[in-house]
Every structure is written in C-alpha cells, then in structure tokens.
Amino acid sequence: MSDIENYLVKFLAEGRYKSLNRLYMDILADALLHLHLKRRSLTLPMEDLERCLVVFNQKLEEVEHQHQLAQDVLKGDKERSIETLDQECTKIIREAKSRLSPIIEDNLAIACGIQIYG
C-alpha cells in the first residue's frame, strides 16, 4: 500500500476506535449510574423514596410547564419574525415599484416609438 493508503487506514481505524471508546464509556457511565441509583434505593427507607418520588413528580411538572412556556415564546417569536419580514418585503416591493416604474415606462415608450415629454 502507498503511504497515503496507510495513513487513511490508520486515520479511519483511530476514528473508529475513538468512537467505539466513547460509546463504551457512555454505556459504562450509564450502567454505573444505574447501579448507584439501585444501591441508593436499597439503602433508603420507603418513606424517603416516596418523598423523593413526590418531589420528582413536582419537578417533572415544572419542567413540562417551562417547556410549554418556552414553546409558546418561540412560537410568538416566529410569528413576530414572519410579520416583520412580511412588512419589510412589502416596503421593499413598494419602493422597487416606485423606482422601476418610470424607467420601465420610459423604455416601453422608446421601444414603441412614443416620446414622453416631461
């Protein structure tokens, strides 16, 4: 193999190795988290677990509410942006028509042999 082919093979192998290594590390981290939570749940009394579950559910509702608020804000921003762009386009079209109309009329008149006096 040429040096370029060797380099490419080595480069691709290293990239694949790094990707797989990252994947394995993520899987391992997830498994460790699961084990940690499982061990902790076995050591906590049932009342503490129920209290944690209530707090978790409250926080989940808060997150869902915040998500909905963010979606509403984004939707409003999108609608305002569309409205602003529409107004700007209308203004540009109106300006283009006012500037181009006299030029077009003059050129049409010249093309048709009609002279327009001023």
N, C-alpha and C. Protein backbone atom coordinates (compact mmCIF):
# COMPACT_ATOMS: atom_id res chain seq x y z
N MET A 1 0.83 -1.19 0.00
CA MET A 1 0.00 0.00 0.00
C MET A 1 0.87 1.25 0.00
N SER A 2 0.34 2.28 -0.54
CA SER A 2 1.09 3.52 -0.55
C SER A 2 1.00 4.19 0.82
N ASP A 3 1.81 5.18 1.00
CA ASP A 3 1.81 5.90 2.28
C ASP A 3 0.46 6.56 2.55
N ILE A 4 -0.18 7.07 1.49
CA ILE A 4 -1.48 7.72 1.65
C ILE A 4 -2.52 6.70 2.10
N GLU A 5 -2.51 5.52 1.47
CA GLU A 5 -3.47 4.48 1.86
C GLU A 5 -3.22 4.05 3.30
N ASN A 6 -1.97 3.89 3.67
CA ASN A 6 -1.64 3.52 5.06
C ASN A 6 -2.13 4.58 6.03
N TYR A 7 -1.91 5.84 5.66
CA TYR A 7 -2.36 6.93 6.52
C TYR A 7 -3.87 6.92 6.67
N LEU A 8 -4.58 6.78 5.55
CA LEU A 8 -6.04 6.77 5.59
C LEU A 8 -6.57 5.61 6.41
N VAL A 9 -6.01 4.42 6.25
CA VAL A 9 -6.44 3.26 7.02
C VAL A 9 -6.21 3.51 8.51
N LYS A 10 -5.03 4.02 8.83
CA LYS A 10 -4.71 4.32 10.23
C LYS A 10 -5.65 5.39 10.78
N PHE A 11 -5.90 6.45 10.00
CA PHE A 11 -6.78 7.54 10.42
C PHE A 11 -8.20 7.03 10.67
N LEU A 12 -8.72 6.24 9.75
CA LEU A 12 -10.07 5.71 9.89
C LEU A 12 -10.17 4.74 11.07
N ALA A 13 -9.15 3.93 11.25
CA ALA A 13 -9.14 2.98 12.38
C ALA A 13 -9.12 3.74 13.70
N GLU A 14 -8.31 4.79 13.77
CA GLU A 14 -8.25 5.57 15.01
C GLU A 14 -9.58 6.26 15.28
N GLY A 15 -10.21 6.79 14.24
CA GLY A 15 -11.53 7.43 14.40
C GLY A 15 -12.57 6.45 14.88
N ARG A 16 -12.55 5.27 14.31
CA ARG A 16 -13.50 4.23 14.72
C ARG A 16 -13.22 3.81 16.17
N TYR A 17 -11.93 3.67 16.50
CA TYR A 17 -11.56 3.31 17.87
C TYR A 17 -12.05 4.37 18.86
N LYS A 18 -11.84 5.63 18.52
CA LYS A 18 -12.28 6.71 19.40
C LYS A 18 -13.79 6.72 19.55
N SER A 19 -14.52 6.51 18.45
CA SER A 19 -15.98 6.48 18.50
C SER A 19 -16.46 5.32 19.37
N LEU A 20 -15.87 4.15 19.15
CA LEU A 20 -16.27 2.99 19.96
C LEU A 20 -15.90 3.20 21.42
N ASN A 21 -14.75 3.77 21.66
CA ASN A 21 -14.32 4.04 23.03
C ASN A 21 -15.30 4.98 23.72
N ARG A 22 -15.72 6.04 23.02
CA ARG A 22 -16.69 6.99 23.56
C ARG A 22 -18.01 6.29 23.84
N LEU A 23 -18.44 5.43 22.91
CA LEU A 23 -19.70 4.68 23.09
C LEU A 23 -19.61 3.77 24.31
N TYR A 24 -18.51 3.06 24.43
CA TYR A 24 -18.34 2.16 25.57
C TYR A 24 -18.29 2.94 26.88
N MET A 25 -17.65 4.09 26.87
CA MET A 25 -17.59 4.91 28.08
C MET A 25 -18.98 5.41 28.47
N ASP A 26 -19.79 5.79 27.48
CA ASP A 26 -21.16 6.23 27.76
C ASP A 26 -21.98 5.08 28.32
N ILE A 27 -21.84 3.91 27.74
CA ILE A 27 -22.58 2.74 28.23
C ILE A 27 -22.15 2.41 29.64
N LEU A 28 -20.85 2.46 29.89
CA LEU A 28 -20.33 2.18 31.23
C LEU A 28 -20.82 3.22 32.24
N ALA A 29 -20.81 4.48 31.87
CA ALA A 29 -21.29 5.54 32.76
C ALA A 29 -22.77 5.34 33.08
N ASP A 30 -23.55 4.97 32.08
CA ASP A 30 -24.97 4.72 32.28
C ASP A 30 -25.17 3.54 33.23
N ALA A 31 -24.40 2.48 33.03
CA ALA A 31 -24.52 1.30 33.89
C ALA A 31 -24.12 1.64 35.33
N LEU A 32 -23.06 2.42 35.49
CA LEU A 32 -22.63 2.82 36.83
C LEU A 32 -23.68 3.68 37.51
N LEU A 33 -24.29 4.58 36.76
CA LEU A 33 -25.37 5.40 37.33
C LEU A 33 -26.53 4.53 37.77
N HIS A 34 -26.91 3.56 36.94
CA HIS A 34 -27.98 2.64 37.29
C HIS A 34 -27.65 1.88 38.58
N LEU A 35 -26.42 1.38 38.66
CA LEU A 35 -26.00 0.65 39.86
C LEU A 35 -26.00 1.54 41.10
N HIS A 36 -25.54 2.78 40.91
CA HIS A 36 -25.52 3.71 42.04
C HIS A 36 -26.94 3.99 42.53
N LEU A 37 -27.84 4.25 41.60
CA LEU A 37 -29.22 4.53 41.98
C LEU A 37 -29.87 3.31 42.62
N LYS A 38 -29.59 2.14 42.08
CA LYS A 38 -30.16 0.91 42.64
C LYS A 38 -29.65 0.69 44.07
N ARG A 39 -28.33 0.87 44.27
CA ARG A 39 -27.75 0.69 45.60
C ARG A 39 -28.34 1.71 46.58
N ARG A 40 -28.48 2.96 46.11
CA ARG A 40 -29.03 4.00 46.97
C ARG A 40 -30.48 3.71 47.31
N SER A 41 -31.25 3.23 46.32
CA SER A 41 -32.66 2.93 46.58
C SER A 41 -32.83 1.79 47.58
N LEU A 42 -31.86 0.89 47.60
CA LEU A 42 -31.93 -0.22 48.56
C LEU A 42 -31.60 0.23 49.97
N THR A 43 -30.86 1.31 50.08
CA THR A 43 -30.46 1.78 51.41
C THR A 43 -31.43 2.80 51.99
N LEU A 44 -32.24 3.42 51.17
CA LEU A 44 -33.19 4.42 51.67
C LEU A 44 -34.46 3.75 52.20
N PRO A 45 -35.00 4.31 53.27
CA PRO A 45 -36.29 3.80 53.75
C PRO A 45 -37.39 4.14 52.74
N MET A 46 -38.47 3.39 52.81
CA MET A 46 -39.58 3.55 51.87
C MET A 46 -40.17 4.96 51.92
N GLU A 47 -40.26 5.56 53.10
CA GLU A 47 -40.82 6.92 53.22
C GLU A 47 -39.97 7.91 52.45
N ASP A 48 -38.65 7.77 52.55
CA ASP A 48 -37.76 8.66 51.81
C ASP A 48 -37.94 8.50 50.30
N LEU A 49 -38.10 7.27 49.88
CA LEU A 49 -38.31 7.01 48.45
C LEU A 49 -39.62 7.65 47.97
N GLU A 50 -40.67 7.52 48.77
CA GLU A 50 -41.95 8.12 48.39
C GLU A 50 -41.85 9.64 48.35
N ARG A 51 -41.12 10.22 49.31
CA ARG A 51 -40.92 11.66 49.33
C ARG A 51 -40.13 12.09 48.09
N CYS A 52 -39.11 11.34 47.78
CA CYS A 52 -38.32 11.64 46.57
C CYS A 52 -39.16 11.53 45.31
N LEU A 53 -40.04 10.56 45.27
CA LEU A 53 -40.93 10.39 44.12
C LEU A 53 -41.87 11.57 43.97
N VAL A 54 -42.40 12.06 45.09
CA VAL A 54 -43.30 13.22 45.05
C VAL A 54 -42.54 14.44 44.53
N VAL A 55 -41.33 14.65 45.06
CA VAL A 55 -40.52 15.80 44.62
C VAL A 55 -40.18 15.66 43.14
N PHE A 56 -39.82 14.44 42.73
CA PHE A 56 -39.50 14.19 41.33
C PHE A 56 -40.69 14.53 40.43
N ASN A 57 -41.87 14.09 40.81
CA ASN A 57 -43.07 14.36 40.01
C ASN A 57 -43.37 15.85 39.95
N GLN A 58 -43.15 16.56 41.07
CA GLN A 58 -43.36 18.02 41.07
C GLN A 58 -42.37 18.69 40.12
N LYS A 59 -41.14 18.27 40.20
CA LYS A 59 -40.11 18.86 39.32
C LYS A 59 -40.41 18.55 37.86
N LEU A 60 -40.90 17.35 37.62
CA LEU A 60 -41.24 16.97 36.24
C LEU A 60 -42.36 17.86 35.71
N GLU A 61 -43.35 18.13 36.54
CA GLU A 61 -44.44 19.04 36.12
C GLU A 61 -43.90 20.44 35.85
N GLU A 62 -42.98 20.90 36.71
CA GLU A 62 -42.38 22.22 36.49
C GLU A 62 -41.62 22.26 35.17
N VAL A 63 -40.86 21.22 34.90
CA VAL A 63 -40.09 21.17 33.65
C VAL A 63 -41.04 21.16 32.46
N GLU A 64 -42.10 20.39 32.53
CA GLU A 64 -43.07 20.34 31.42
C GLU A 64 -43.71 21.72 31.23
N HIS A 65 -44.02 22.39 32.34
CA HIS A 65 -44.61 23.73 32.25
C HIS A 65 -43.61 24.71 31.61
N GLN A 66 -42.35 24.66 32.06
CA GLN A 66 -41.32 25.53 31.50
C GLN A 66 -41.13 25.25 30.01
N HIS A 67 -41.19 23.97 29.65
CA HIS A 67 -41.05 23.59 28.24
C HIS A 67 -42.19 24.20 27.42
N GLN A 68 -43.41 24.12 27.95
CA GLN A 68 -44.56 24.68 27.24
C GLN A 68 -44.42 26.20 27.11
N LEU A 69 -43.95 26.86 28.17
CA LEU A 69 -43.74 28.31 28.10
C LEU A 69 -42.69 28.65 27.04
N ALA A 70 -41.62 27.88 27.01
CA ALA A 70 -40.57 28.12 26.01
C ALA A 70 -41.12 27.92 24.60
N GLN A 71 -41.93 26.89 24.41
CA GLN A 71 -42.54 26.64 23.09
C GLN A 71 -43.43 27.82 22.70
N ASP A 72 -44.20 28.34 23.66
CA ASP A 72 -45.08 29.47 23.39
C ASP A 72 -44.28 30.71 23.00
N VAL A 73 -43.19 30.95 23.71
CA VAL A 73 -42.34 32.11 23.41
C VAL A 73 -41.74 31.96 22.01
N LEU A 74 -41.23 30.76 21.71
CA LEU A 74 -40.64 30.53 20.39
C LEU A 74 -41.68 30.70 19.28
N LYS A 75 -42.89 30.21 19.53
CA LYS A 75 -43.95 30.35 18.53
C LYS A 75 -44.27 31.83 18.31
N GLY A 76 -44.35 32.59 19.42
CA GLY A 76 -44.61 34.02 19.30
C GLY A 76 -43.49 34.73 18.57
N ASP A 77 -42.23 34.38 18.90
CA ASP A 77 -41.08 34.99 18.22
C ASP A 77 -41.12 34.69 16.74
N LYS A 78 -41.46 33.45 16.40
CA LYS A 78 -41.52 33.05 14.99
C LYS A 78 -42.59 33.87 14.27
N GLU A 79 -43.77 33.99 14.89
CA GLU A 79 -44.86 34.74 14.26
C GLU A 79 -44.49 36.21 14.10
N ARG A 80 -43.84 36.79 15.13
CA ARG A 80 -43.40 38.19 15.03
C ARG A 80 -42.35 38.36 13.94
N SER A 81 -41.46 37.41 13.83
CA SER A 81 -40.42 37.48 12.79
C SER A 81 -41.04 37.41 11.41
N ILE A 82 -41.99 36.52 11.24
CA ILE A 82 -42.67 36.40 9.94
C ILE A 82 -43.39 37.69 9.60
N GLU A 83 -44.07 38.27 10.60
CA GLU A 83 -44.80 39.52 10.37
C GLU A 83 -43.84 40.65 10.00
N THR A 84 -42.71 40.73 10.70
CA THR A 84 -41.72 41.77 10.40
C THR A 84 -41.14 41.58 9.01
N LEU A 85 -40.81 40.34 8.65
CA LEU A 85 -40.29 40.08 7.31
C LEU A 85 -41.31 40.42 6.23
N ASP A 86 -42.57 40.11 6.50
CA ASP A 86 -43.62 40.42 5.54
C ASP A 86 -43.73 41.93 5.34
N GLN A 87 -43.67 42.67 6.43
CA GLN A 87 -43.73 44.14 6.33
C GLN A 87 -42.53 44.69 5.56
N GLU A 88 -41.34 44.16 5.85
CA GLU A 88 -40.14 44.61 5.15
C GLU A 88 -40.22 44.29 3.65
N CYS A 89 -40.71 43.09 3.32
CA CYS A 89 -40.85 42.71 1.91
C CYS A 89 -41.83 43.64 1.20
N THR A 90 -42.94 43.93 1.84
CA THR A 90 -43.94 44.83 1.25
C THR A 90 -43.32 46.20 1.00
N LYS A 91 -42.56 46.70 1.96
CA LYS A 91 -41.91 48.01 1.83
C LYS A 91 -40.89 48.00 0.68
N ILE A 92 -40.11 46.94 0.57
CA ILE A 92 -39.10 46.85 -0.49
C ILE A 92 -39.78 46.75 -1.86
N ILE A 93 -40.85 45.96 -1.95
CA ILE A 93 -41.57 45.83 -3.22
C ILE A 93 -42.16 47.18 -3.64
N ARG A 94 -42.76 47.88 -2.68
CA ARG A 94 -43.35 49.19 -2.97
C ARG A 94 -42.27 50.16 -3.46
N GLU A 95 -41.11 50.15 -2.80
CA GLU A 95 -40.01 51.03 -3.18
C GLU A 95 -39.47 50.65 -4.56
N ALA A 96 -39.33 49.36 -4.82
CA ALA A 96 -38.83 48.90 -6.12
C ALA A 96 -39.79 49.31 -7.24
N LYS A 97 -41.10 49.16 -6.98
CA LYS A 97 -42.08 49.56 -8.00
C LYS A 97 -41.99 51.05 -8.28
N SER A 98 -41.88 51.86 -7.23
CA SER A 98 -41.85 53.31 -7.44
C SER A 98 -40.58 53.74 -8.18
N ARG A 99 -39.48 53.03 -7.97
CA ARG A 99 -38.23 53.38 -8.66
C ARG A 99 -38.18 52.82 -10.08
N LEU A 100 -38.73 51.62 -10.27
CA LEU A 100 -38.61 50.98 -11.57
C LEU A 100 -39.71 51.37 -12.55
N SER A 101 -40.88 51.75 -12.04
CA SER A 101 -42.00 52.10 -12.94
C SER A 101 -41.63 53.18 -13.95
N PRO A 102 -41.07 54.31 -13.53
CA PRO A 102 -40.72 55.33 -14.53
C PRO A 102 -39.71 54.83 -15.55
N ILE A 103 -38.75 54.03 -15.12
CA ILE A 103 -37.74 53.51 -16.03
C ILE A 103 -38.39 52.57 -17.05
N ILE A 104 -39.26 51.70 -16.57
CA ILE A 104 -39.94 50.76 -17.46
C ILE A 104 -40.84 51.51 -18.44
N GLU A 105 -41.58 52.50 -17.95
CA GLU A 105 -42.46 53.28 -18.83
C GLU A 105 -41.66 54.00 -19.91
N ASP A 106 -40.54 54.60 -19.51
CA ASP A 106 -39.70 55.30 -20.48
C ASP A 106 -39.16 54.34 -21.54
N ASN A 107 -38.69 53.17 -21.10
CA ASN A 107 -38.15 52.20 -22.05
C ASN A 107 -39.24 51.64 -22.96
N LEU A 108 -40.43 51.42 -22.42
CA LEU A 108 -41.54 50.97 -23.27
C LEU A 108 -41.91 52.03 -24.30
N ALA A 109 -41.94 53.25 -23.85
CA ALA A 109 -42.29 54.34 -24.77
C ALA A 109 -41.24 54.45 -25.88
N ILE A 110 -39.99 54.32 -25.50
CA ILE A 110 -38.91 54.39 -26.50
C ILE A 110 -39.02 53.20 -27.46
N ALA A 111 -39.30 52.04 -26.89
CA ALA A 111 -39.40 50.85 -27.73
C ALA A 111 -40.59 50.95 -28.69
N CYS A 112 -41.64 51.60 -28.26
CA CYS A 112 -42.83 51.73 -29.11
C CYS A 112 -42.76 52.98 -29.99
N GLY A 113 -41.74 53.78 -29.84
CA GLY A 113 -41.58 54.96 -30.67
C GLY A 113 -42.36 56.15 -30.17
N ILE A 114 -42.81 56.13 -28.94
CA ILE A 114 -43.56 57.24 -28.39
C ILE A 114 -42.62 58.03 -27.51
N GLN A 115 -42.64 59.34 -27.70
CA GLN A 115 -41.77 60.16 -26.89
C GLN A 115 -42.62 60.81 -25.79
N ILE A 116 -42.11 60.68 -24.57
CA ILE A 116 -42.83 61.25 -23.43
C ILE A 116 -42.12 62.54 -23.05
N TYR A 117 -42.95 63.58 -22.94
CA TYR A 117 -42.39 64.87 -22.55
C TYR A 117 -42.71 65.10 -21.10
N GLY A 118 -41.72 65.45 -20.37
CA GLY A 118 -41.80 65.63 -19.09
C GLY A 118 -42.25 66.08 -17.96
